[in-house]
C-alpha cells in the first residue's frame, strides 16, 4: 500500500511518547525527523542514528529558524513538543506557556496551512465536570495551567485547517524516556521501591492508555487521515476506565506493599470522570495493551532502577 505520508516530523520526539512512536514509524518504513531541544539528554534516541531514514535537528519549536529548517521535505507533523502535566507546568508556568502555547503558534505560523498537524492534547481539558461521562462535544473546563494551555493550543491548531487533535487518556507504561509522574507509573514505583502507598479520593475515576498505544494512534491517523481531518478525538479505550482504588489493587495482586486509602486530603489533579471513545472506536482504533500488562512491565523496570525523584517529568 502506498503511503499518503512518507516523511514525518515529530516535535519533541525525544520524549516519553516520541521515542516509541519514532521506533514504530521507522519499523513501518516512514522517514522520521525529530526536532527536540534534548533538555533531558540524547540517550533515548541514540539508537535511531544508525537508521538512514532518521534525521535529528537539535532545535526549539519556539524558533522560526529551527522549525523552518525542520519542515524541509515533510509530509505531516506530529506535534508533541510541550511541558507535560500539571506538576511540571505548575513548577515552570512561564516556560510551559511559552512552549505549549507560543511554540504551537510558531509551528502553525511556519506551516501556514500547507502541512497536516496531528496534535497531542489531553483529557485534562475536560477538568472537573458535573456529568461523569465525556464525549468530544462535552464543554471544556480546564482547571490547571497545563489543561488551559492545551485548550489554547487546540484552538491554534484548528487555524491550520489541516489537523487531527487527540485528547489522550492518562498515559502509562515504559518508554526509553521514562516518566514517573503518571499515576500508574507513580503508584507502581512507590509500591515496589517504598513498599507503601497512601491514596486520596480512591473512588475518583480516570481513563488510561499505554504509551505504545499512543504511538499506534498516531500511525492510525496517518493511515486514515482523509476521514479524520479536521476532527477532535478522545483517544483511549472504553474498557480502560478505572478508579484509583482499582489501579492500586491491581498492583497489590502483584506486589506486597502497604496500601492506605486516606479519608482526609485530596490530590491536586481533580479529574474524576469516565470518557467515551466511541468516536475513534467506530473508525477501527482500539487499545492493544491492558493495564495489567503495563503494570507487569512497570514492576520489572522499577525493580532494577533507582531515581532520586519519582515525580521528575519529561
C-alpha atoms as a PDB file:
ATOM      1  CA  UNK A   1       0.000   0.000   0.000  1.00  0.00           C
ATOM      2  CA  UNK A   2       1.361   3.412  -0.968  1.00  0.00           C
ATOM      3  CA  UNK A   3       1.598   5.769   1.989  1.00  0.00           C
ATOM      4  CA  UNK A   4      -0.080   9.155   1.714  1.00  0.00           C
ATOM      5  CA  UNK A   5       2.635  10.496   4.023  1.00  0.00           C
ATOM      6  CA  UNK A   6       6.243   9.353   3.781  1.00  0.00           C
ATOM      7  CA  UNK A   7       8.299  11.820   5.820  1.00  0.00           C
ATOM      8  CA  UNK A   8       7.054  12.683   9.317  1.00  0.00           C
ATOM      9  CA  UNK A   9       8.303  15.479  11.588  1.00  0.00           C
ATOM     10  CA  UNK A  10       7.925  14.816  15.314  1.00  0.00           C
ATOM     11  CA  UNK A  11       8.364  17.869  17.515  1.00  0.00           C
ATOM     12  CA  UNK A  12       9.519  16.810  20.962  1.00  0.00           C
ATOM     13  CA  UNK A  13      10.325  13.396  19.542  1.00  0.00           C
ATOM     14  CA  UNK A  14      12.947  12.557  22.176  1.00  0.00           C
ATOM     15  CA  UNK A  15      10.297  12.430  24.900  1.00  0.00           C
ATOM     16  CA  UNK A  16       8.108   9.829  26.565  1.00  0.00           C
ATOM     17  CA  UNK A  17       5.714   9.370  23.632  1.00  0.00           C
ATOM     18  CA  UNK A  18       8.027  10.393  20.820  1.00  0.00           C
ATOM     19  CA  UNK A  19      10.668   7.709  21.321  1.00  0.00           C
ATOM     20  CA  UNK A  20       8.434   4.630  20.974  1.00  0.00           C
ATOM     21  CA  UNK A  21       6.481   6.400  18.214  1.00  0.00           C
ATOM     22  CA  UNK A  22       9.691   7.059  16.262  1.00  0.00           C
ATOM     23  CA  UNK A  23      10.660   3.401  16.515  1.00  0.00           C
ATOM     24  CA  UNK A  24       7.240   2.304  15.227  1.00  0.00           C
ATOM     25  CA  UNK A  25       7.338   4.714  12.296  1.00  0.00           C
ATOM     26  CA  UNK A  26      10.832   3.656  11.264  1.00  0.00           C
ATOM     27  CA  UNK A  27       9.853  -0.014  11.501  1.00  0.00           C
ATOM     28  CA  UNK A  28       6.976   0.666   9.119  1.00  0.00           C
ATOM     29  CA  UNK A  29       9.217   2.362   6.555  1.00  0.00           C
ATOM     30  CA  UNK A  30       8.482   6.006   7.244  1.00  0.00           C
ATOM     31  CA  UNK A  31      11.175   8.641   7.191  1.00  0.00           C
ATOM     32  CA  UNK A  32      11.296  10.475  10.510  1.00  0.00           C
ATOM     33  CA  UNK A  33      12.777  13.811  11.522  1.00  0.00           C
ATOM     34  CA  UNK A  34      12.845  14.749  15.209  1.00  0.00           C
ATOM     35  CA  UNK A  35      13.029  18.367  16.332  1.00  0.00           C
ATOM     36  CA  UNK A  36      13.937  18.471  20.025  1.00  0.00           C
ATOM     37  CA  UNK A  37      15.965  20.605  22.419  1.00  0.00           C
ATOM     38  CA  UNK A  38      17.297  17.476  24.181  1.00  0.00           C
ATOM     39  CA  UNK A  39      16.535  19.059  27.534  1.00  0.00           C
ATOM     40  CA  UNK A  40      16.748  15.591  29.077  1.00  0.00           C
ATOM     41  CA  UNK A  41      19.704  14.381  27.037  1.00  0.00           C
ATOM     42  CA  UNK A  42      20.136  12.279  23.865  1.00  0.00           C
ATOM     43  CA  UNK A  43      20.154   8.789  25.404  1.00  0.00           C
ATOM     44  CA  UNK A  44      16.569   7.935  24.491  1.00  0.00           C
ATOM     45  CA  UNK A  45      17.133   8.417  20.752  1.00  0.00           C
ATOM     46  CA  UNK A  46      20.777   7.443  20.232  1.00  0.00           C
ATOM     47  CA  UNK A  47      19.837   4.052  18.776  1.00  0.00           C
ATOM     48  CA  UNK A  48      17.989   5.745  15.884  1.00  0.00           C
ATOM     49  CA  UNK A  49      21.047   7.466  14.430  1.00  0.00           C
ATOM     50  CA  UNK A  50      22.167   4.380  12.536  1.00  0.00           C
ATOM     51  CA  UNK A  51      18.924   4.314  10.550  1.00  0.00           C
ATOM     52  CA  UNK A  52      19.248   6.088   7.164  1.00  0.00           C
ATOM     53  CA  UNK A  53      15.583   7.135   7.381  1.00  0.00           C
ATOM     54  CA  UNK A  54      16.180   9.066  10.607  1.00  0.00           C
ATOM     55  CA  UNK A  55      17.140  12.739  10.850  1.00  0.00           C
ATOM     56  CA  UNK A  56      17.669  14.743  14.005  1.00  0.00           C
ATOM     57  CA  UNK A  57      17.585  18.527  14.362  1.00  0.00           C
ATOM     58  CA  UNK A  58      18.518  19.983  17.714  1.00  0.00           C
ATOM     59  CA  UNK A  59      16.245  22.955  17.995  1.00  0.00           C
ATOM     60  CA  UNK A  60      13.287  24.617  19.648  1.00  0.00           C
ATOM     61  CA  UNK A  61       9.682  24.680  18.471  1.00  0.00           C
ATOM     62  CA  UNK A  62       9.626  28.362  19.501  1.00  0.00           C
ATOM     63  CA  UNK A  63      12.340  29.195  16.953  1.00  0.00           C
ATOM     64  CA  UNK A  64      11.119  30.156  13.491  1.00  0.00           C
ATOM     65  CA  UNK A  65      14.532  29.296  12.059  1.00  0.00           C
ATOM     66  CA  UNK A  66      14.614  25.840  13.666  1.00  0.00           C
ATOM     67  CA  UNK A  67      11.047  24.994  12.633  1.00  0.00           C
ATOM     68  CA  UNK A  68      11.547  26.207   9.072  1.00  0.00           C
ATOM     69  CA  UNK A  69      14.641  24.018   8.777  1.00  0.00           C
ATOM     70  CA  UNK A  70      12.800  21.012  10.200  1.00  0.00           C
ATOM     71  CA  UNK A  71       9.861  21.374   7.780  1.00  0.00           C
ATOM     72  CA  UNK A  72      12.013  20.741   4.708  1.00  0.00           C
ATOM     73  CA  UNK A  73      10.567  17.778   2.802  1.00  0.00           C
ATOM     74  CA  UNK A  74       7.970  16.973   5.495  1.00  0.00           C
ATOM     75  CA  UNK A  75       4.576  15.475   4.586  1.00  0.00           C
ATOM     76  CA  UNK A  76       2.936  15.513   8.035  1.00  0.00           C
ATOM     77  CA  UNK A  77       3.739  16.732  11.552  1.00  0.00           C
ATOM     78  CA  UNK A  78       3.133  15.040  14.896  1.00  0.00           C
ATOM     79  CA  UNK A  79       3.297  17.843  17.446  1.00  0.00           C
ATOM     80  CA  UNK A  80       4.406  16.545  20.846  1.00  0.00           C
ATOM     81  CA  UNK A  81       6.772  19.321  21.988  1.00  0.00           C
ATOM     82  CA  UNK A  82       5.458  20.511  25.348  1.00  0.00           C
ATOM     83  CA  UNK A  83       5.983  20.806  29.061  1.00  0.00           C
ATOM     84  CA  UNK A  84       3.646  17.976  30.035  1.00  0.00           C
ATOM     85  CA  UNK A  85       1.408  17.509  33.077  1.00  0.00           C
ATOM     86  CA  UNK A  86       0.069  19.811  35.763  1.00  0.00           C
ATOM     87  CA  UNK A  87       3.018  19.368  38.231  1.00  0.00           C
ATOM     88  CA  UNK A  88       5.607  20.382  35.624  1.00  0.00           C
ATOM     89  CA  UNK A  89       3.522  23.302  34.352  1.00  0.00           C
ATOM     90  CA  UNK A  90       2.885  24.492  37.911  1.00  0.00           C
ATOM     91  CA  UNK A  91       6.618  24.355  38.592  1.00  0.00           C
ATOM     92  CA  UNK A  92       7.525  26.315  35.429  1.00  0.00           C
ATOM     93  CA  UNK A  93       4.394  28.283  34.465  1.00  0.00           C
ATOM     94  CA  UNK A  94       6.082  30.854  32.223  1.00  0.00           C
ATOM     95  CA  UNK A  95       8.230  28.335  30.365  1.00  0.00           C
ATOM     96  CA  UNK A  96       5.333  25.912  29.939  1.00  0.00           C
ATOM     97  CA  UNK A  97       3.093  28.591  28.471  1.00  0.00           C
ATOM     98  CA  UNK A  98       5.868  29.768  26.174  1.00  0.00           C
ATOM     99  CA  UNK A  99       6.429  26.261  24.793  1.00  0.00           C
ATOM    100  CA  UNK A 100       2.903  24.873  24.922  1.00  0.00           C
ATOM    101  CA  UNK A 101       1.094  27.918  23.525  1.00  0.00           C
ATOM    102  CA  UNK A 102       3.643  30.186  21.829  1.00  0.00           C
ATOM    103  CA  UNK A 103       5.607  27.235  20.456  1.00  0.00           C
ATOM    104  CA  UNK A 104       2.431  25.817  18.941  1.00  0.00           C
ATOM    105  CA  UNK A 105       1.591  29.184  17.390  1.00  0.00           C
ATOM    106  CA  UNK A 106       5.077  29.444  15.913  1.00  0.00           C
ATOM    107  CA  UNK A 107       4.747  25.971  14.392  1.00  0.00           C
ATOM    108  CA  UNK A 108       1.340  26.772  12.884  1.00  0.00           C
ATOM    109  CA  UNK A 109       2.602  30.096  11.521  1.00  0.00           C
ATOM    110  CA  UNK A 110       5.559  28.388   9.856  1.00  0.00           C
ATOM    111  CA  UNK A 111       3.362  25.620   8.403  1.00  0.00           C
ATOM    112  CA  UNK A 112       0.936  28.203   7.003  1.00  0.00           C
ATOM    113  CA  UNK A 113      -1.809  25.624   6.330  1.00  0.00           C
ATOM    114  CA  UNK A 114       0.417  23.657   3.948  1.00  0.00           C
ATOM    115  CA  UNK A 115       1.094  20.535   6.069  1.00  0.00           C
ATOM    116  CA  UNK A 116      -1.259  18.473   8.265  1.00  0.00           C
ATOM    117  CA  UNK A 117      -0.590  18.621  12.000  1.00  0.00           C
ATOM    118  CA  UNK A 118      -1.520  15.763  14.339  1.00  0.00           C
ATOM    119  CA  UNK A 119      -1.663  17.247  17.824  1.00  0.00           C
ATOM    120  CA  UNK A 120      -1.308  15.580  21.225  1.00  0.00           C
ATOM    121  CA  UNK A 121      -3.817  17.203  23.566  1.00  0.00           C
ATOM    122  CA  UNK A 122      -5.215  15.766  26.780  1.00  0.00           C
ATOM    123  CA  UNK A 123      -8.376  14.662  28.513  1.00  0.00           C
ATOM    124  CA  UNK A 124      -7.372  17.086  31.270  1.00  0.00           C
ATOM    125  CA  UNK A 125      -9.066  19.769  29.182  1.00  0.00           C
ATOM    126  CA  UNK A 126     -12.427  18.460  30.470  1.00  0.00           C
ATOM    127  CA  UNK A 127     -11.464  19.430  34.025  1.00  0.00           C
ATOM    128  CA  UNK A 128     -13.892  18.702  36.854  1.00  0.00           C
ATOM    129  CA  UNK A 129     -17.327  18.026  35.432  1.00  0.00           C
ATOM    130  CA  UNK A 130     -20.862  17.936  36.727  1.00  0.00           C
ATOM    131  CA  UNK A 131     -21.634  14.987  34.486  1.00  0.00           C
ATOM    132  CA  UNK A 132     -19.486  11.865  34.684  1.00  0.00           C
ATOM    133  CA  UNK A 133     -19.271  10.920  31.018  1.00  0.00           C
ATOM    134  CA  UNK A 134     -17.230  12.911  28.485  1.00  0.00           C
ATOM    135  CA  UNK A 135     -17.577  12.928  24.735  1.00  0.00           C
ATOM    136  CA  UNK A 136     -15.765  15.165  22.272  1.00  0.00           C
ATOM    137  CA  UNK A 137     -18.676  17.639  22.475  1.00  0.00           C
ATOM    138  CA  UNK A 138     -18.534  17.954  26.286  1.00  0.00           C
ATOM    139  CA  UNK A 139     -17.747  21.600  27.183  1.00  0.00           C
ATOM    140  CA  UNK A 140     -14.146  22.062  28.258  1.00  0.00           C
ATOM    141  CA  UNK A 141     -13.459  23.193  31.821  1.00  0.00           C
ATOM    142  CA  UNK A 142      -9.672  23.251  32.302  1.00  0.00           C
ATOM    143  CA  UNK A 143      -8.540  23.581  35.912  1.00  0.00           C
ATOM    144  CA  UNK A 144      -4.736  23.522  35.683  1.00  0.00           C
ATOM    145  CA  UNK A 145      -2.165  25.597  33.793  1.00  0.00           C
ATOM    146  CA  UNK A 146      -1.426  22.535  31.699  1.00  0.00           C
ATOM    147  CA  UNK A 147      -5.044  22.000  30.699  1.00  0.00           C
ATOM    148  CA  UNK A 148      -5.604  25.688  29.974  1.00  0.00           C
ATOM    149  CA  UNK A 149      -2.533  25.775  27.768  1.00  0.00           C
ATOM    150  CA  UNK A 150      -3.674  22.692  25.863  1.00  0.00           C
ATOM    151  CA  UNK A 151      -7.082  24.289  25.227  1.00  0.00           C
ATOM    152  CA  UNK A 152      -5.360  27.370  23.810  1.00  0.00           C
ATOM    153  CA  UNK A 153      -3.060  25.181  21.724  1.00  0.00           C
ATOM    154  CA  UNK A 154      -6.014  23.196  20.345  1.00  0.00           C
ATOM    155  CA  UNK A 155      -7.614  26.417  19.131  1.00  0.00           C
ATOM    156  CA  UNK A 156      -4.356  27.456  17.478  1.00  0.00           C
ATOM    157  CA  UNK A 157      -4.001  24.065  15.767  1.00  0.00           C
ATOM    158  CA  UNK A 158      -7.522  24.403  14.349  1.00  0.00           C
ATOM    159  CA  UNK A 159      -6.471  27.518  12.429  1.00  0.00           C
ATOM    160  CA  UNK A 160      -4.142  25.315  10.362  1.00  0.00           C
ATOM    161  CA  UNK A 161      -7.284  23.766   8.810  1.00  0.00           C
ATOM    162  CA  UNK A 162      -5.399  20.511   8.178  1.00  0.00           C
ATOM    163  CA  UNK A 163      -5.308  18.791  11.560  1.00  0.00           C
ATOM    164  CA  UNK A 164      -6.289  15.917  13.821  1.00  0.00           C
ATOM    165  CA  UNK A 165      -6.498  16.644  17.554  1.00  0.00           C
ATOM    166  CA  UNK A 166      -6.145  13.767  20.004  1.00  0.00           C
ATOM    167  CA  UNK A 167      -7.324  14.187  23.611  1.00  0.00           C
ATOM    168  CA  UNK A 168      -5.403  11.355  25.196  1.00  0.00           C
ATOM    169  CA  UNK A 169      -6.265   9.395  28.295  1.00  0.00           C
ATOM    170  CA  UNK A 170      -3.642   9.307  31.055  1.00  0.00           C
ATOM    171  CA  UNK A 171      -0.538   7.590  29.719  1.00  0.00           C
ATOM    172  CA  UNK A 172       1.260   4.726  31.425  1.00  0.00           C
ATOM    173  CA  UNK A 173       3.916   2.119  30.671  1.00  0.00           C
ATOM    174  CA  UNK A 174       7.615   2.039  29.910  1.00  0.00           C
ATOM    175  CA  UNK A 175       9.431   4.146  27.340  1.00  0.00           C
ATOM    176  CA  UNK A 176      13.108   4.862  26.587  1.00  0.00           C
ATOM    177  CA  UNK A 177      12.412   8.307  28.092  1.00  0.00           C
ATOM    178  CA  UNK A 178      10.603   7.306  31.276  1.00  0.00           C
ATOM    179  CA  UNK A 179       8.150   9.375  33.278  1.00  0.00           C
ATOM    180  CA  UNK A 180       7.176   8.520  36.822  1.00  0.00           C
ATOM    181  CA  UNK A 181       4.763  11.394  37.409  1.00  0.00           C
ATOM    182  CA  UNK A 182       1.971   9.464  35.644  1.00  0.00           C
ATOM    183  CA  UNK A 183      -0.496   7.825  38.018  1.00  0.00           C
ATOM    184  CA  UNK A 184       0.039   4.079  37.251  1.00  0.00           C
ATOM    185  CA  UNK A 185       3.804   4.592  36.876  1.00  0.00           C
ATOM    186  CA  UNK A 186       3.978   6.577  40.120  1.00  0.00           C
ATOM    187  CA  UNK A 187       1.847   4.095  42.088  1.00  0.00           C
ATOM    188  CA  UNK A 188       3.861   1.129  40.824  1.00  0.00           C
ATOM    189  CA  UNK A 189       7.194   2.786  41.623  1.00  0.00           C
ATOM    190  CA  UNK A 190       6.096   3.555  45.192  1.00  0.00           C
ATOM    191  CA  UNK A 191       4.736   0.045  45.710  1.00  0.00           C
ATOM    192  CA  UNK A 192       7.969  -1.580  44.505  1.00  0.00           C
ATOM    193  CA  UNK A 193      10.536   0.817  45.965  1.00  0.00           C
ATOM    194  CA  UNK A 194       8.884   2.305  49.055  1.00  0.00           C
ATOM    195  CA  UNK A 195       6.532  -0.592  49.875  1.00  0.00           C
ATOM    196  CA  UNK A 196       3.940   1.998  50.926  1.00  0.00           C
ATOM    197  CA  UNK A 197       1.236   3.895  49.075  1.00  0.00           C
ATOM    198  CA  UNK A 198      -1.199   6.442  50.530  1.00  0.00           C
ATOM    199  CA  UNK A 199      -4.030   7.358  48.179  1.00  0.00           C
ATOM    200  CA  UNK A 200      -6.621  10.124  48.449  1.00  0.00           C
ATOM    201  CA  UNK A 201     -10.054  10.044  46.816  1.00  0.00           C
ATOM    202  CA  UNK A 202      -9.852   6.379  45.932  1.00  0.00           C
ATOM    203  CA  UNK A 203     -13.204   6.477  44.113  1.00  0.00           C
ATOM    204  CA  UNK A 204     -12.058   9.052  41.544  1.00  0.00           C
ATOM    205  CA  UNK A 205     -12.314   7.636  38.036  1.00  0.00           C
ATOM    206  CA  UNK A 206      -9.583   8.028  35.446  1.00  0.00           C
ATOM    207  CA  UNK A 207      -9.025   6.633  31.977  1.00  0.00           C
ATOM    208  CA  UNK A 208      -5.739   5.283  30.653  1.00  0.00           C
ATOM    209  CA  UNK A 209      -3.720   4.418  27.543  1.00  0.00           C
ATOM    210  CA  UNK A 210      -0.371   2.682  27.196  1.00  0.00           C
ATOM    211  CA  UNK A 211       2.355   4.852  25.688  1.00  0.00           C
ATOM    212  CA  UNK A 212       2.859   2.417  22.793  1.00  0.00           C
ATOM    213  CA  UNK A 213      -0.848   2.584  22.016  1.00  0.00           C
ATOM    214  CA  UNK A 214      -0.469   6.361  21.843  1.00  0.00           C
ATOM    215  CA  UNK A 215       2.134   5.793  19.146  1.00  0.00           C
ATOM    216  CA  UNK A 216      -0.178   3.393  17.325  1.00  0.00           C
ATOM    217  CA  UNK A 217      -2.942   6.003  17.461  1.00  0.00           C
ATOM    218  CA  UNK A 218      -0.787   8.498  15.560  1.00  0.00           C
ATOM    219  CA  UNK A 219       0.038   5.915  12.906  1.00  0.00           C
ATOM    220  CA  UNK A 220      -3.683   5.172  12.672  1.00  0.00           C
ATOM    221  CA  UNK A 221      -4.312   8.866  11.991  1.00  0.00           C
ATOM    222  CA  UNK A 222      -1.643   8.943   9.278  1.00  0.00           C
ATOM    223  CA  UNK A 223      -3.239   5.926   7.610  1.00  0.00           C
ATOM    224  CA  UNK A 224      -6.800   7.272   7.941  1.00  0.00           C
ATOM    225  CA  UNK A 225      -6.152  10.980   7.587  1.00  0.00           C
ATOM    226  CA  UNK A 226      -8.711  11.695   4.857  1.00  0.00           C
ATOM    227  CA  UNK A 227     -11.651  10.669   7.047  1.00  0.00           C
ATOM    228  CA  UNK A 228     -10.174  12.072  10.267  1.00  0.00           C
ATOM    229  CA  UNK A 229      -9.070  15.510   9.036  1.00  0.00           C
ATOM    230  CA  UNK A 230     -10.484  18.456  10.934  1.00  0.00           C
ATOM    231  CA  UNK A 231     -11.774  16.424  13.882  1.00  0.00           C
ATOM    232  CA  UNK A 232     -11.106  16.031  17.605  1.00  0.00           C
ATOM    233  CA  UNK A 233     -10.933  12.549  19.104  1.00  0.00           C
ATOM    234  CA  UNK A 234     -10.774  11.197  22.617  1.00  0.00           C
ATOM    235  CA  UNK A 235      -8.089   8.513  22.424  1.00  0.00           C
ATOM    236  CA  UNK A 236      -8.164   5.594  24.802  1.00  0.00           C
ATOM    237  CA  UNK A 237     -10.484   2.669  25.310  1.00  0.00           C
ATOM    238  CA  UNK A 238     -13.883   2.280  26.943  1.00  0.00           C
ATOM    239  CA  UNK A 239     -12.505  -0.768  28.791  1.00  0.00           C
ATOM    240  CA  UNK A 240      -9.738   1.336  30.388  1.00  0.00           C
ATOM    241  CA  UNK A 241     -11.837   3.486  32.742  1.00  0.00           C
ATOM    242  CA  UNK A 242     -10.616   2.673  36.274  1.00  0.00           C
ATOM    243  CA  UNK A 243     -10.874   4.133  39.752  1.00  0.00           C
ATOM    244  CA  UNK A 244      -7.680   4.909  41.621  1.00  0.00           C
ATOM    245  CA  UNK A 245      -8.593   2.111  44.026  1.00  0.00           C
ATOM    246  CA  UNK A 246      -8.793  -0.405  41.194  1.00  0.00           C
ATOM    247  CA  UNK A 247      -5.304   0.533  39.982  1.00  0.00           C
ATOM    248  CA  UNK A 248      -3.896   0.158  43.498  1.00  0.00           C
ATOM    249  CA  UNK A 249      -5.486  -3.263  43.941  1.00  0.00           C
ATOM    250  CA  UNK A 250      -4.174  -4.457  40.567  1.00  0.00           C
ATOM    251  CA  UNK A 251      -0.669  -3.562  41.711  1.00  0.00           C
ATOM    252  CA  UNK A 252      -1.272  -5.209  45.112  1.00  0.00           C
ATOM    253  CA  UNK A 253      -2.074  -8.501  43.386  1.00  0.00           C
ATOM    254  CA  UNK A 254       1.493  -8.474  42.054  1.00  0.00           C
ATOM    255  CA  UNK A 255       3.485  -6.580  44.723  1.00  0.00           C
ATOM    256  CA  UNK A 256       3.445  -6.958  48.519  1.00  0.00           C
ATOM    257  CA  UNK A 257       3.134  -3.410  49.880  1.00  0.00           C
ATOM    258  CA  UNK A 258       1.208  -1.383  52.468  1.00  0.00           C
ATOM    259  CA  UNK A 259      -1.806   0.368  50.947  1.00  0.00           C
ATOM    260  CA  UNK A 260      -3.756   3.035  52.823  1.00  0.00           C
ATOM    261  CA  UNK A 261      -6.777   4.883  51.489  1.00  0.00           C
ATOM    262  CA  UNK A 262      -6.886   8.236  53.296  1.00  0.00           C
ATOM    263  CA  UNK A 263     -10.179   9.872  54.246  1.00  0.00           C
ATOM    264  CA  UNK A 264      -8.650  13.327  54.641  1.00  0.00           C
ATOM    265  CA  UNK A 265      -6.762  15.185  51.927  1.00  0.00           C
ATOM    266  CA  UNK A 266      -7.010  15.447  48.177  1.00  0.00           C
ATOM    267  CA  UNK A 267      -4.888  15.281  45.066  1.00  0.00           C
ATOM    268  CA  UNK A 268      -4.211  18.480  43.163  1.00  0.00           C
ATOM    269  CA  UNK A 269      -5.359  16.823  39.951  1.00  0.00           C
ATOM    270  CA  UNK A 270      -9.132  16.695  40.427  1.00  0.00           C
ATOM    271  CA  UNK A 271     -10.070  14.733  37.301  1.00  0.00           C
ATOM    272  CA  UNK A 272     -12.940  12.403  38.082  1.00  0.00           C
ATOM    273  CA  UNK A 273     -14.945  11.192  35.111  1.00  0.00           C
ATOM    274  CA  UNK A 274     -15.351   8.481  32.514  1.00  0.00           C
ATOM    275  CA  UNK A 275     -14.618   9.098  28.846  1.00  0.00           C
ATOM    276  CA  UNK A 276     -16.336   7.773  25.757  1.00  0.00           C
ATOM    277  CA  UNK A 277     -14.034   6.573  22.994  1.00  0.00           C
ATOM    278  CA  UNK A 278     -16.838   5.563  20.643  1.00  0.00           C
ATOM    279  CA  UNK A 279     -15.862   8.130  18.010  1.00  0.00           C
ATOM    280  CA  UNK A 280     -12.410   6.681  17.358  1.00  0.00           C
ATOM    281  CA  UNK A 281     -13.551   3.105  18.045  1.00  0.00           C
ATOM    282  CA  UNK A 282     -16.079   3.455  15.236  1.00  0.00           C
ATOM    283  CA  UNK A 283     -13.186   4.162  12.860  1.00  0.00           C
ATOM    284  CA  UNK A 284     -11.421   0.994  13.976  1.00  0.00           C
ATOM    285  CA  UNK A 285      -8.878   2.081  16.608  1.00  0.00           C
ATOM    286  CA  UNK A 286      -8.675   0.223  19.927  1.00  0.00           C
ATOM    287  CA  UNK A 287      -6.073  -0.085  22.663  1.00  0.00           C
ATOM    288  CA  UNK A 288      -3.964  -3.229  22.426  1.00  0.00           C
ATOM    289  CA  UNK A 289      -2.133  -3.190  25.790  1.00  0.00           C
ATOM    290  CA  UNK A 290      -4.061  -3.738  29.026  1.00  0.00           C
ATOM    291  CA  UNK A 291      -3.436  -2.098  32.379  1.00  0.00           C
ATOM    292  CA  UNK A 292      -2.374  -5.493  33.758  1.00  0.00           C
ATOM    293  CA  UNK A 293       0.264  -5.857  31.026  1.00  0.00           C
ATOM    294  CA  UNK A 294       1.501  -2.336  31.677  1.00  0.00           C
ATOM    295  CA  UNK A 295       1.801  -2.915  35.411  1.00  0.00           C
ATOM    296  CA  UNK A 296       3.742  -6.130  34.793  1.00  0.00           C
ATOM    297  CA  UNK A 297       6.362  -4.309  32.726  1.00  0.00           C
ATOM    298  CA  UNK A 298       6.484  -1.382  35.152  1.00  0.00           C
ATOM    299  CA  UNK A 299       7.224  -3.739  38.050  1.00  0.00           C
ATOM    300  CA  UNK A 300      10.163  -5.239  36.135  1.00  0.00           C
ATOM    301  CA  UNK A 301      11.607  -1.789  35.410  1.00  0.00           C
ATOM    302  CA  UNK A 302      11.062  -0.468  38.940  1.00  0.00           C
ATOM    303  CA  UNK A 303      12.895  -3.454  40.389  1.00  0.00           C
ATOM    304  CA  UNK A 304      16.119  -2.592  38.541  1.00  0.00           C
ATOM    305  CA  UNK A 305      16.226   1.221  38.532  1.00  0.00           C
ATOM    306  CA  UNK A 306      16.621   3.899  41.168  1.00  0.00           C
ATOM    307  CA  UNK A 307      15.636   7.518  40.632  1.00  0.00           C
ATOM    308  CA  UNK A 308      16.133  10.372  43.035  1.00  0.00           C
ATOM    309  CA  UNK A 309      12.753  11.937  42.320  1.00  0.00           C
ATOM    310  CA  UNK A 310       9.950   9.710  41.007  1.00  0.00           C
ATOM    311  CA  UNK A 311       7.927  12.802  40.087  1.00  0.00           C
ATOM    312  CA  UNK A 312      10.584  14.090  37.733  1.00  0.00           C
ATOM    313  CA  UNK A 313       8.834  14.824  34.493  1.00  0.00           C
ATOM    314  CA  UNK A 314       9.785  14.652  30.812  1.00  0.00           C
END
